[in-house]
N, C-alpha and C. Protein backbone atom coordinates (compact mmCIF):
# COMPACT_ATOMS: atom_id res chain seq x y z
N MET A 1 27.83 27.85 -12.87
CA MET A 1 26.87 28.30 -14.41
C MET A 1 26.39 26.45 -14.55
N ARG A 2 27.44 25.33 -14.86
CA ARG A 2 26.96 24.05 -15.87
C ARG A 2 25.78 23.19 -14.80
N LEU A 3 25.90 23.83 -13.36
CA LEU A 3 25.06 23.21 -12.88
C LEU A 3 24.47 23.36 -12.59
N LEU A 4 23.40 25.39 -12.46
CA LEU A 4 22.73 25.86 -12.96
C LEU A 4 22.00 24.66 -14.20
N PHE A 5 22.60 24.54 -14.98
CA PHE A 5 21.87 24.19 -16.13
C PHE A 5 21.34 23.22 -16.23
N VAL A 6 22.17 21.88 -15.82
CA VAL A 6 21.07 21.14 -15.30
C VAL A 6 20.43 20.54 -14.84
N LEU A 7 20.39 22.10 -13.38
CA LEU A 7 19.51 21.84 -12.61
C LEU A 7 17.74 22.57 -13.63
N PHE A 8 17.70 23.85 -14.14
CA PHE A 8 17.26 24.02 -15.26
C PHE A 8 16.25 23.17 -15.55
N LEU A 9 17.74 21.91 -16.36
CA LEU A 9 17.26 20.29 -17.67
C LEU A 9 15.80 18.89 -16.67
N SER A 10 17.35 19.28 -15.40
CA SER A 10 16.17 18.62 -14.94
C SER A 10 15.07 18.92 -14.04
N PHE A 11 14.18 20.23 -13.33
CA PHE A 11 13.09 21.20 -13.27
C PHE A 11 12.29 20.86 -15.23
N LEU A 12 13.07 21.08 -15.55
CA LEU A 12 11.98 21.10 -17.88
C LEU A 12 11.08 19.07 -17.64
N TRP A 13 12.27 18.34 -17.41
CA TRP A 13 11.88 17.24 -18.01
C TRP A 13 10.80 16.93 -16.64
N SER A 14 10.63 17.26 -14.85
CA SER A 14 9.85 16.77 -14.11
C SER A 14 8.48 17.70 -14.25
N SER A 15 8.89 18.94 -15.20
CA SER A 15 7.32 19.70 -15.59
C SER A 15 6.78 18.55 -16.60
N PHE A 16 7.62 18.00 -17.23
CA PHE A 16 7.33 17.12 -18.94
C PHE A 16 6.36 16.25 -17.95
N PHE A 17 6.79 15.97 -17.73
CA PHE A 17 6.52 13.89 -16.84
C PHE A 17 4.84 14.61 -15.98
N SER A 18 5.37 15.21 -15.33
CA SER A 18 4.53 15.64 -14.23
C SER A 18 2.07 16.05 -14.44
N GLN A 19 2.70 16.93 -15.46
CA GLN A 19 1.52 17.32 -15.98
C GLN A 19 0.18 16.15 -16.73
N LYS A 20 -0.62 16.15 -16.37
CA LYS A 20 -2.04 14.74 -16.35
C LYS A 20 -1.70 13.86 -17.76
N GLU A 21 -2.28 13.22 -17.35
CA GLU A 21 -1.84 12.82 -18.96
C GLU A 21 -3.06 12.25 -19.79
N THR A 22 -3.10 12.64 -20.69
CA THR A 22 -4.71 12.35 -21.56
C THR A 22 -3.72 11.44 -22.89
N PHE A 23 -4.75 10.85 -22.85
CA PHE A 23 -4.80 9.58 -23.94
C PHE A 23 -5.73 9.64 -24.96
N ILE A 24 -5.97 9.43 -26.40
CA ILE A 24 -6.50 9.66 -27.00
C ILE A 24 -7.14 7.53 -26.94
N THR A 25 -8.65 8.33 -26.10
CA THR A 25 -9.79 6.83 -26.59
C THR A 25 -10.66 6.39 -28.25
N TYR A 26 -10.07 5.25 -28.69
CA TYR A 26 -10.99 4.26 -29.85
C TYR A 26 -12.10 3.92 -29.50
N ASN A 27 -12.61 3.38 -30.51
CA ASN A 27 -13.28 2.57 -30.47
C ASN A 27 -13.57 1.55 -30.30
N TRP A 28 -14.13 -0.07 -29.83
CA TRP A 28 -13.64 -0.81 -30.34
C TRP A 28 -12.80 -1.86 -32.00
N SER A 29 -14.12 -0.75 -32.54
CA SER A 29 -13.68 -1.17 -34.04
C SER A 29 -12.38 -0.43 -34.65
N GLU A 30 -11.19 -0.05 -33.65
CA GLU A 30 -10.60 1.05 -33.85
C GLU A 30 -9.50 -0.38 -33.45
N VAL A 31 -9.69 -0.71 -32.59
CA VAL A 31 -8.33 -1.43 -32.47
C VAL A 31 -8.41 -3.09 -33.06
N GLN A 32 -8.98 -3.19 -33.14
CA GLN A 32 -8.64 -4.93 -33.00
C GLN A 32 -7.59 -6.16 -33.99
N ALA A 33 -7.17 -4.93 -34.61
CA ALA A 33 -5.68 -5.14 -34.95
C ALA A 33 -4.97 -4.69 -33.89
N ALA A 34 -4.92 -3.28 -32.90
CA ALA A 34 -3.98 -3.49 -32.73
C ALA A 34 -3.23 -3.82 -31.47
N ASN A 35 -2.15 -3.37 -30.99
CA ASN A 35 -0.88 -3.98 -30.17
C ASN A 35 -2.58 -3.42 -28.94
N PRO A 36 -2.53 -4.31 -28.49
CA PRO A 36 -2.81 -4.31 -26.75
C PRO A 36 -2.62 -2.83 -25.19
N ASP A 37 -1.17 -3.44 -25.59
CA ASP A 37 -0.67 -2.83 -24.87
C ASP A 37 -0.35 -1.77 -24.88
N THR A 38 -0.64 -1.39 -26.38
CA THR A 38 -1.12 0.61 -27.10
C THR A 38 -1.83 2.13 -26.47
N ILE A 39 -3.12 1.08 -26.09
CA ILE A 39 -3.65 1.67 -26.44
C ILE A 39 -4.22 1.34 -24.40
N PHE A 40 -4.21 3.00 -24.48
CA PHE A 40 -4.78 3.44 -22.77
C PHE A 40 -7.23 3.68 -22.61
N SER A 41 -7.53 4.97 -23.53
CA SER A 41 -8.85 4.69 -23.45
C SER A 41 -9.37 3.97 -25.00
N LEU A 42 -10.00 3.31 -24.20
CA LEU A 42 -11.63 2.79 -25.55
C LEU A 42 -12.73 3.29 -24.56
N SER A 43 -13.22 3.44 -26.07
CA SER A 43 -15.02 3.55 -25.98
C SER A 43 -15.84 2.90 -26.47
N PHE A 44 -17.27 2.47 -25.76
CA PHE A 44 -18.51 1.50 -25.97
C PHE A 44 -19.29 2.63 -25.88
N ALA A 45 -19.55 3.34 -26.26
CA ALA A 45 -20.64 4.18 -25.56
C ALA A 45 -21.19 3.97 -27.31
N LYS A 46 -22.46 3.88 -26.57
CA LYS A 46 -23.05 4.32 -27.36
C LYS A 46 -23.83 2.76 -29.14
N GLU A 47 -22.88 1.33 -28.20
CA GLU A 47 -22.66 0.74 -29.05
C GLU A 47 -24.63 -0.13 -28.45
N LYS A 48 -24.92 0.39 -28.59
CA LYS A 48 -26.54 -0.31 -27.70
C LYS A 48 -25.57 -1.98 -26.72
N LEU A 49 -24.90 -2.38 -26.47
CA LEU A 49 -24.27 -4.02 -25.66
C LEU A 49 -25.36 -3.73 -24.33
N SER A 50 -25.33 -5.14 -23.81
CA SER A 50 -25.68 -5.43 -22.93
C SER A 50 -24.23 -6.76 -22.22
N GLU A 51 -23.63 -6.42 -22.97
CA GLU A 51 -22.10 -7.50 -22.77
C GLU A 51 -21.05 -7.51 -22.90
N LEU A 52 -20.18 -7.23 -22.39
CA LEU A 52 -18.65 -7.59 -22.81
C LEU A 52 -18.12 -8.44 -23.69
N PRO A 53 -16.95 -7.20 -24.78
CA PRO A 53 -16.71 -8.45 -25.77
C PRO A 53 -15.19 -9.23 -25.03
N SER A 54 -15.46 -10.85 -25.24
CA SER A 54 -14.31 -11.63 -24.70
C SER A 54 -13.12 -10.67 -23.81
N GLN A 55 -12.92 -10.04 -26.14
CA GLN A 55 -10.76 -10.37 -26.01
C GLN A 55 -11.03 -8.41 -25.52
N LEU A 56 -11.87 -7.83 -25.10
CA LEU A 56 -11.00 -7.60 -23.94
C LEU A 56 -9.72 -7.08 -23.10
N TRP A 57 -10.45 -7.74 -22.07
CA TRP A 57 -9.60 -9.06 -21.61
C TRP A 57 -8.28 -8.75 -21.54
N LYS A 58 -7.29 -8.56 -22.83
CA LYS A 58 -6.72 -8.48 -23.30
C LYS A 58 -5.40 -7.26 -23.14
N PHE A 59 -6.41 -5.94 -22.95
CA PHE A 59 -6.06 -4.86 -22.83
C PHE A 59 -5.54 -4.38 -21.57
N LYS A 60 -4.67 -5.05 -21.00
CA LYS A 60 -3.87 -5.14 -19.89
C LYS A 60 -4.01 -3.46 -19.01
N LYS A 61 -3.53 -2.64 -20.37
CA LYS A 61 -2.95 -1.05 -19.47
C LYS A 61 -4.23 0.20 -20.12
N LEU A 62 -5.41 -0.83 -20.31
CA LEU A 62 -6.26 0.50 -20.31
C LEU A 62 -6.43 1.26 -19.12
N LYS A 63 -6.33 2.56 -19.04
CA LYS A 63 -7.01 3.23 -18.28
C LYS A 63 -8.27 3.79 -18.01
N ALA A 64 -8.95 3.88 -19.19
CA ALA A 64 -10.13 4.63 -19.26
C ALA A 64 -11.16 3.38 -19.95
N LEU A 65 -12.08 3.62 -19.88
CA LEU A 65 -13.07 3.16 -20.39
C LEU A 65 -14.70 3.04 -19.54
N ASN A 66 -15.67 3.45 -21.14
CA ASN A 66 -16.31 4.17 -21.52
C ASN A 66 -17.25 2.72 -21.63
N LEU A 67 -18.99 3.51 -21.46
CA LEU A 67 -19.02 1.45 -21.43
C LEU A 67 -20.83 2.68 -21.21
N LYS A 68 -20.79 4.25 -21.39
CA LYS A 68 -21.89 5.34 -21.53
C LYS A 68 -22.69 4.96 -22.47
N ARG A 69 -24.39 4.72 -21.68
CA ARG A 69 -25.07 4.09 -22.92
C ARG A 69 -25.93 3.57 -23.55
N ASN A 70 -25.46 2.42 -23.13
CA ASN A 70 -25.56 0.57 -23.11
C ASN A 70 -26.34 0.86 -22.53
N ARG A 71 -26.59 -1.34 -22.65
CA ARG A 71 -28.11 -1.72 -22.26
C ARG A 71 -27.39 -2.88 -21.18
N PHE A 72 -26.59 -2.47 -20.56
CA PHE A 72 -25.78 -3.00 -19.17
C PHE A 72 -26.49 -3.11 -18.42
N GLU A 73 -26.10 -5.01 -17.63
CA GLU A 73 -26.98 -4.76 -16.69
C GLU A 73 -26.34 -4.97 -15.46
N THR A 74 -25.06 -5.62 -15.72
CA THR A 74 -24.39 -6.81 -15.41
C THR A 74 -23.51 -6.22 -15.63
N LEU A 75 -21.72 -6.06 -14.86
CA LEU A 75 -20.44 -6.44 -15.20
C LEU A 75 -19.95 -7.95 -14.73
N PRO A 76 -19.01 -8.65 -16.50
CA PRO A 76 -17.81 -9.25 -15.92
C PRO A 76 -17.85 -9.32 -14.67
N ASP A 77 -17.11 -10.52 -13.94
CA ASP A 77 -15.98 -10.48 -12.73
C ASP A 77 -14.77 -10.44 -13.12
N SER A 78 -14.96 -10.64 -14.81
CA SER A 78 -13.24 -10.90 -15.64
C SER A 78 -13.14 -9.59 -15.96
N ILE A 79 -13.45 -7.60 -15.71
CA ILE A 79 -12.91 -6.75 -15.78
C ILE A 79 -12.42 -6.66 -14.59
N GLU A 80 -12.10 -7.26 -13.10
CA GLU A 80 -10.60 -6.91 -12.07
C GLU A 80 -9.64 -7.57 -13.07
N GLN A 81 -9.19 -7.61 -13.87
CA GLN A 81 -8.51 -7.99 -14.88
C GLN A 81 -8.06 -7.00 -15.68
N LEU A 82 -8.61 -5.65 -15.46
CA LEU A 82 -8.00 -4.45 -16.38
C LEU A 82 -7.16 -3.64 -14.93
N THR A 83 -6.76 -3.59 -14.04
CA THR A 83 -6.37 -3.04 -12.98
C THR A 83 -5.64 -1.62 -12.80
N GLU A 84 -5.88 -1.33 -14.24
CA GLU A 84 -4.85 -0.48 -14.66
C GLU A 84 -5.90 0.63 -14.49
N ILE A 85 -6.90 0.32 -15.17
CA ILE A 85 -8.42 1.00 -15.20
C ILE A 85 -8.63 2.73 -13.60
N GLU A 86 -8.58 4.23 -14.74
CA GLU A 86 -8.74 5.13 -13.41
C GLU A 86 -9.59 6.06 -13.87
N PHE A 87 -10.33 5.59 -14.44
CA PHE A 87 -12.19 6.80 -15.28
C PHE A 87 -12.62 5.53 -15.74
N LEU A 88 -13.80 5.43 -15.07
CA LEU A 88 -15.08 3.58 -16.19
C LEU A 88 -16.48 5.10 -15.66
N ASP A 89 -16.58 4.64 -16.88
CA ASP A 89 -17.85 5.86 -16.50
C ASP A 89 -18.93 4.07 -17.90
N ILE A 90 -19.90 4.23 -16.37
CA ILE A 90 -21.43 3.60 -16.79
C ILE A 90 -22.33 3.76 -17.16
N SER A 91 -22.60 5.06 -17.47
CA SER A 91 -24.34 6.25 -17.00
C SER A 91 -24.39 5.50 -17.89
N HIS A 92 -26.33 5.73 -17.57
CA HIS A 92 -27.27 5.23 -18.73
C HIS A 92 -27.60 4.07 -19.63
N ASN A 93 -27.46 3.00 -18.30
CA ASN A 93 -27.17 1.96 -18.58
C ASN A 93 -28.62 1.51 -17.38
N ARG A 94 -28.26 -0.02 -17.85
CA ARG A 94 -29.42 -0.96 -17.10
C ARG A 94 -29.26 -0.93 -15.60
N PHE A 95 -27.87 -0.30 -14.67
CA PHE A 95 -27.71 -1.14 -13.62
C PHE A 95 -28.97 -1.12 -12.35
N ALA A 96 -29.37 -1.73 -11.53
CA ALA A 96 -30.28 -2.10 -10.77
C ALA A 96 -29.42 -2.13 -9.34
N VAL A 97 -28.48 -2.50 -9.56
CA VAL A 97 -27.71 -2.94 -8.02
C VAL A 97 -26.68 -2.26 -8.92
N PHE A 98 -25.52 -2.31 -8.01
CA PHE A 98 -24.06 -1.29 -7.54
C PHE A 98 -23.11 -3.18 -8.16
N PRO A 99 -22.50 -2.98 -9.30
CA PRO A 99 -21.37 -4.48 -9.58
C PRO A 99 -20.62 -4.11 -8.95
N LEU A 100 -20.45 -5.04 -8.57
CA LEU A 100 -19.29 -5.30 -7.52
C LEU A 100 -18.05 -5.22 -7.68
N PRO A 101 -18.25 -6.14 -9.48
CA PRO A 101 -17.37 -5.48 -9.96
C PRO A 101 -16.08 -4.79 -10.12
N ILE A 102 -16.57 -3.73 -10.06
CA ILE A 102 -16.41 -2.40 -9.52
C ILE A 102 -15.47 -1.54 -8.94
N THR A 103 -15.54 -3.03 -7.13
CA THR A 103 -15.38 -1.82 -5.81
C THR A 103 -13.27 -2.90 -6.38
N ARG A 104 -13.55 -3.95 -6.89
CA ARG A 104 -11.92 -4.36 -7.61
C ARG A 104 -11.51 -4.18 -8.72
N LEU A 105 -11.69 -2.88 -8.79
CA LEU A 105 -10.97 -2.13 -9.39
C LEU A 105 -9.97 -0.87 -9.21
N TYR A 106 -8.88 -1.46 -8.07
CA TYR A 106 -8.43 -0.64 -7.12
C TYR A 106 -7.89 0.29 -7.67
N LYS A 107 -7.28 0.62 -9.23
CA LYS A 107 -6.65 2.38 -9.09
C LYS A 107 -8.09 2.99 -9.15
N LEU A 108 -8.97 2.59 -9.60
CA LEU A 108 -10.58 3.86 -9.90
C LEU A 108 -9.88 4.85 -9.32
N LYS A 109 -10.46 6.03 -9.60
CA LYS A 109 -9.81 7.67 -9.12
C LYS A 109 -10.91 8.17 -9.80
N VAL A 110 -11.92 7.36 -11.17
CA VAL A 110 -13.24 8.01 -11.64
C VAL A 110 -14.52 7.80 -11.62
N LEU A 111 -15.31 6.96 -10.95
CA LEU A 111 -16.95 6.84 -11.25
C LEU A 111 -17.92 7.51 -11.27
N LYS A 112 -18.19 7.30 -12.79
CA LYS A 112 -19.71 8.24 -13.23
C LYS A 112 -20.41 6.43 -13.73
N ALA A 113 -21.51 6.61 -12.56
CA ALA A 113 -23.52 5.58 -12.76
C ALA A 113 -23.86 6.48 -12.29
N SER A 114 -24.73 7.81 -12.82
CA SER A 114 -25.54 9.21 -13.50
C SER A 114 -26.08 8.28 -14.59
N SER A 115 -27.46 8.70 -14.10
CA SER A 115 -28.74 7.75 -14.62
C SER A 115 -28.55 6.07 -15.67
N ASN A 116 -28.52 5.41 -13.73
CA ASN A 116 -29.20 4.09 -13.58
C ASN A 116 -30.36 3.91 -12.39
N LYS A 117 -30.34 3.03 -12.09
CA LYS A 117 -31.70 2.02 -11.55
C LYS A 117 -30.79 2.21 -9.37
N LEU A 118 -29.76 2.60 -9.45
CA LEU A 118 -29.08 2.35 -7.72
C LEU A 118 -30.14 2.74 -7.74
N ASN A 119 -29.50 1.41 -6.15
CA ASN A 119 -31.14 2.31 -4.74
C ASN A 119 -30.16 2.30 -3.65
N TYR A 120 -28.53 1.02 -3.52
CA TYR A 120 -27.63 0.82 -2.60
C TYR A 120 -26.20 0.86 -3.41
N ILE A 121 -25.64 1.21 -2.52
CA ILE A 121 -24.53 1.28 -3.03
C ILE A 121 -22.83 0.59 -1.71
N SER A 122 -22.56 -0.46 -2.23
CA SER A 122 -22.24 -1.82 -1.70
C SER A 122 -21.43 -1.20 -0.54
N ASN A 123 -21.28 -1.54 0.14
CA ASN A 123 -19.73 -0.87 0.78
C ASN A 123 -18.00 -1.35 0.69
N ASN A 124 -18.20 -2.24 -0.19
CA ASN A 124 -17.32 -3.28 -0.86
C ASN A 124 -16.03 -1.44 -0.82
N ILE A 125 -16.79 -0.96 -1.87
CA ILE A 125 -16.57 0.14 -2.56
C ILE A 125 -15.67 0.97 -1.68
N GLU A 126 -15.00 1.41 -0.78
CA GLU A 126 -14.36 1.18 0.06
C GLU A 126 -12.72 0.90 -0.65
N ASN A 127 -13.42 -0.30 -1.32
CA ASN A 127 -11.52 -1.41 -1.34
C ASN A 127 -11.66 -0.63 -2.81
N CYS A 128 -11.79 1.06 -3.14
CA CYS A 128 -11.57 1.92 -4.57
C CYS A 128 -10.70 2.92 -3.34
N GLU A 129 -9.56 2.19 -2.83
CA GLU A 129 -9.09 3.82 -2.09
C GLU A 129 -8.90 4.79 -3.00
N MET A 130 -8.68 4.96 -4.56
CA MET A 130 -8.09 5.91 -5.04
C MET A 130 -9.34 6.33 -5.86
N LEU A 131 -10.39 6.74 -4.89
CA LEU A 131 -11.60 6.91 -5.86
C LEU A 131 -12.08 8.44 -5.12
N GLN A 132 -11.79 9.16 -6.65
CA GLN A 132 -11.73 10.65 -5.81
C GLN A 132 -13.35 11.11 -6.37
N ASP A 133 -13.66 11.03 -7.23
CA ASP A 133 -15.12 11.06 -7.40
C ASP A 133 -16.10 10.55 -7.81
N LEU A 134 -16.81 10.89 -7.21
CA LEU A 134 -18.01 9.45 -8.04
C LEU A 134 -19.57 9.96 -8.06
N ASP A 135 -19.51 9.35 -8.84
CA ASP A 135 -20.94 10.94 -10.35
C ASP A 135 -22.47 9.86 -9.92
N LEU A 136 -23.29 9.74 -9.22
CA LEU A 136 -23.69 8.68 -8.92
C LEU A 136 -25.46 10.15 -8.91
N TYR A 137 -25.41 10.98 -10.10
CA TYR A 137 -26.41 11.55 -10.02
C TYR A 137 -27.65 10.92 -11.11
N ASP A 138 -29.20 11.15 -10.81
CA ASP A 138 -30.25 10.76 -11.05
C ASP A 138 -29.96 9.06 -11.05
N ASN A 139 -29.93 8.77 -9.67
CA ASN A 139 -29.80 7.22 -9.49
C ASN A 139 -31.57 6.60 -7.89
N LEU A 140 -32.41 5.78 -7.42
CA LEU A 140 -32.64 5.83 -6.82
C LEU A 140 -32.00 6.14 -5.10
N ILE A 141 -31.01 6.78 -4.34
CA ILE A 141 -30.06 5.67 -3.80
C ILE A 141 -31.28 6.00 -2.02
N GLU A 142 -31.37 5.06 -1.77
CA GLU A 142 -31.98 4.93 -0.86
C GLU A 142 -30.90 5.81 0.28
N ASP A 143 -29.88 3.97 0.24
CA ASP A 143 -28.25 3.63 1.11
C ASP A 143 -27.21 3.36 0.53
N LEU A 144 -26.37 4.75 1.18
CA LEU A 144 -24.82 5.34 -0.40
C LEU A 144 -24.63 4.52 0.97
N GLY A 145 -24.42 3.11 2.27
CA GLY A 145 -23.38 1.57 2.32
C GLY A 145 -22.47 2.55 3.58
N LYS A 146 -22.07 2.79 3.81
CA LYS A 146 -20.78 3.31 4.81
C LYS A 146 -19.45 2.34 4.80
N GLY A 147 -19.24 1.94 3.03
CA GLY A 147 -18.21 1.85 2.91
C GLY A 147 -17.88 3.27 1.51
N ILE A 148 -18.03 4.34 1.49
CA ILE A 148 -18.04 5.49 1.15
C ILE A 148 -17.76 6.19 2.11
N TYR A 149 -18.22 5.69 3.38
CA TYR A 149 -17.67 7.17 4.25
C TYR A 149 -15.95 7.51 5.01
N LYS A 150 -15.10 5.48 4.26
CA LYS A 150 -13.98 5.22 4.14
C LYS A 150 -12.96 5.50 3.07
N LEU A 151 -13.45 6.78 2.06
CA LEU A 151 -12.52 6.97 1.18
C LEU A 151 -12.30 8.26 1.64
N LYS A 152 -10.46 7.67 1.60
CA LYS A 152 -10.30 9.41 2.30
C LYS A 152 -9.61 9.93 0.85
N GLU A 153 -9.65 9.31 0.23
CA GLU A 153 -9.53 10.51 -1.01
C GLU A 153 -10.26 11.66 -1.95
N LEU A 154 -12.07 10.31 -2.12
CA LEU A 154 -13.55 12.00 -2.55
C LEU A 154 -13.73 12.57 -2.23
N ARG A 155 -13.53 13.90 -3.44
CA ARG A 155 -13.53 14.68 -3.74
C ARG A 155 -14.93 15.58 -4.15
N SER A 156 -15.34 14.99 -4.71
CA SER A 156 -16.85 15.21 -5.22
C SER A 156 -18.09 14.15 -5.14
N LEU A 157 -19.25 14.42 -4.82
CA LEU A 157 -20.30 12.96 -5.11
C LEU A 157 -21.16 13.52 -5.14
N ASP A 158 -21.31 13.39 -6.51
CA ASP A 158 -22.78 13.95 -6.64
C ASP A 158 -24.58 13.41 -6.53
N LEU A 159 -24.69 13.47 -5.80
CA LEU A 159 -26.32 13.13 -5.89
C LEU A 159 -27.25 13.51 -6.85
N ARG A 160 -27.71 14.46 -7.21
CA ARG A 160 -28.68 15.32 -7.71
C ARG A 160 -30.08 14.34 -8.12
N GLY A 161 -30.46 14.33 -8.71
CA GLY A 161 -32.10 13.98 -9.32
C GLY A 161 -32.00 12.92 -8.34
N VAL A 162 -32.11 13.62 -6.64
CA VAL A 162 -32.29 12.46 -5.94
C VAL A 162 -33.47 13.38 -4.39
N MET A 163 -33.57 13.00 -4.40
CA MET A 163 -34.75 13.77 -2.98
C MET A 163 -34.25 13.15 -1.75
N TYR A 164 -33.48 13.76 -0.57
CA TYR A 164 -33.95 13.79 0.50
C TYR A 164 -33.55 14.82 1.23
N GLY A 165 -34.46 13.96 3.21
CA GLY A 165 -34.49 15.66 3.44
C GLY A 165 -33.09 15.93 4.08
N THR A 166 -33.39 17.54 4.99
CA THR A 166 -32.67 18.34 5.78
C THR A 166 -31.54 17.36 6.43
N LYS A 167 -32.67 16.69 6.97
CA LYS A 167 -31.53 15.39 8.87
C LYS A 167 -30.46 15.05 7.64
N PHE A 168 -30.67 13.88 6.63
CA PHE A 168 -29.95 13.29 5.86
C PHE A 168 -28.31 13.99 5.77
N GLN A 169 -29.72 14.90 4.95
CA GLN A 169 -28.23 15.88 3.84
C GLN A 169 -27.15 16.25 5.38
N ALA A 170 -27.55 16.70 6.24
CA ALA A 170 -26.62 17.38 7.18
C ALA A 170 -25.43 16.79 7.63
N GLU A 171 -26.30 15.32 7.99
CA GLU A 171 -25.62 14.59 8.58
C GLU A 171 -24.40 13.61 6.85
N LEU A 172 -23.79 13.94 6.24
CA LEU A 172 -24.29 13.39 5.22
C LEU A 172 -23.22 14.56 4.81
N LYS A 173 -23.01 16.25 4.83
CA LYS A 173 -21.74 16.73 4.44
C LYS A 173 -21.02 16.60 5.84
N GLY A 174 -21.88 16.21 7.00
CA GLY A 174 -20.93 16.91 8.69
C GLY A 174 -19.52 15.41 8.20
N SER A 175 -20.11 13.81 7.49
CA SER A 175 -19.24 12.66 7.25
C SER A 175 -18.10 13.50 6.88
N LEU A 176 -18.79 13.97 6.01
CA LEU A 176 -17.51 13.68 4.46
C LEU A 176 -17.00 15.36 4.49
N PRO A 177 -16.99 15.72 5.42
CA PRO A 177 -17.07 17.31 4.64
C PRO A 177 -15.87 18.28 4.30
N ASN A 178 -14.53 16.69 4.03
CA ASN A 178 -13.61 17.63 2.68
C ASN A 178 -14.13 16.71 1.33
N VAL A 179 -15.80 16.87 0.98
CA VAL A 179 -16.07 16.18 0.30
C VAL A 179 -16.75 17.68 -0.45
N LYS A 180 -17.18 17.44 -2.03
CA LYS A 180 -17.62 18.65 -2.78
C LYS A 180 -19.38 17.98 -2.67
N ILE A 181 -20.41 18.26 -1.51
CA ILE A 181 -21.92 17.18 -2.25
C ILE A 181 -22.52 17.78 -3.35
N LYS A 182 -23.36 17.12 -4.29
CA LYS A 182 -23.75 18.28 -4.51
C LYS A 182 -25.65 17.39 -5.00
N MET A 183 -26.06 17.61 -3.98
CA MET A 183 -27.58 17.51 -3.91
C MET A 183 -28.60 17.80 -4.58
N ASP A 184 -29.08 18.62 -4.56
CA ASP A 184 -30.59 19.48 -4.22
C ASP A 184 -31.15 19.33 -3.27
N ALA A 185 -31.45 20.56 -3.67
CA ALA A 185 -32.62 21.02 -2.43
C ALA A 185 -33.40 19.59 -1.43
N PRO A 186 -32.80 20.57 -0.16
CA PRO A 186 -33.55 18.79 0.37
C PRO A 186 -35.06 19.70 0.84
N CYS A 187 -35.38 18.45 1.14
CA CYS A 187 -37.20 18.22 1.44
C CYS A 187 -36.89 18.08 3.31
N LYS A 188 -38.12 18.77 3.50
CA LYS A 188 -38.40 18.67 5.07
C LYS A 188 -39.69 17.59 5.17
N CYS A 189 -40.42 17.45 3.91
CA CYS A 189 -41.39 16.66 4.20
C CYS A 189 -41.03 15.02 3.93
N MET A 190 -39.57 14.79 4.01
CA MET A 190 -38.77 13.84 4.45
C MET A 190 -37.25 13.04 5.72
N ASP A 191 -38.23 13.98 6.08
CA ASP A 191 -37.64 13.92 7.72
C ASP A 191 -37.89 13.18 8.77
C-alpha cells in the first residue's frame, strides 16, 4: 500500500512539472531594477525602437522576447548571448535581410517574422535545430534557402501573403511532408 502511495505521488509530481511552462511577460520599464535571473519573458512591443538597450544582455534566462511592431532593420550579434531564447517575435518591423544572429539562437522553437520585407531565408537557419514554428506571413520571400529543409523539428510554416506557383507549392509540400504549411492559393501564372 505504501509503495502504491509513493508511486501515485511520483506520478503527480512528474505530471505537475511536465506541463507547459508559462511565464509572466514584463515590459522593459518593469524590469529595470529586477534581478535579471528572475525574468523569463520580456516585451518591447510597440516601443518604436530601432536598437535594443545594451542592458538587455544581462537577462541571460530569457526564454521569450517580443520585438513586435518596432523599427528594427537589423539585430545585433549580441543577441546570441540570450542562449535560452525559445520564442522570438520580430513581426511588423523593417527587416529586409533575414537577421543572421537569429541563427545562433540554438534553443529557438518559435520564430514569428511576419510583415517584414524579407525576400530570402538564410541557409544558416538550419542551426536552429529545435525550431518548430516559423511564421513568415506577408513577406516577399523568393528564396527559402536550403537550411529550412534540414529543420527536423519544424511542424508549422506560414507563407501566406506571398503568391507562389503550383509547381513550387507542390515541391515544397513534398519536401516537408511532416510540416503544416499555410499558403495562399497557387497561381498557374507563376509556373
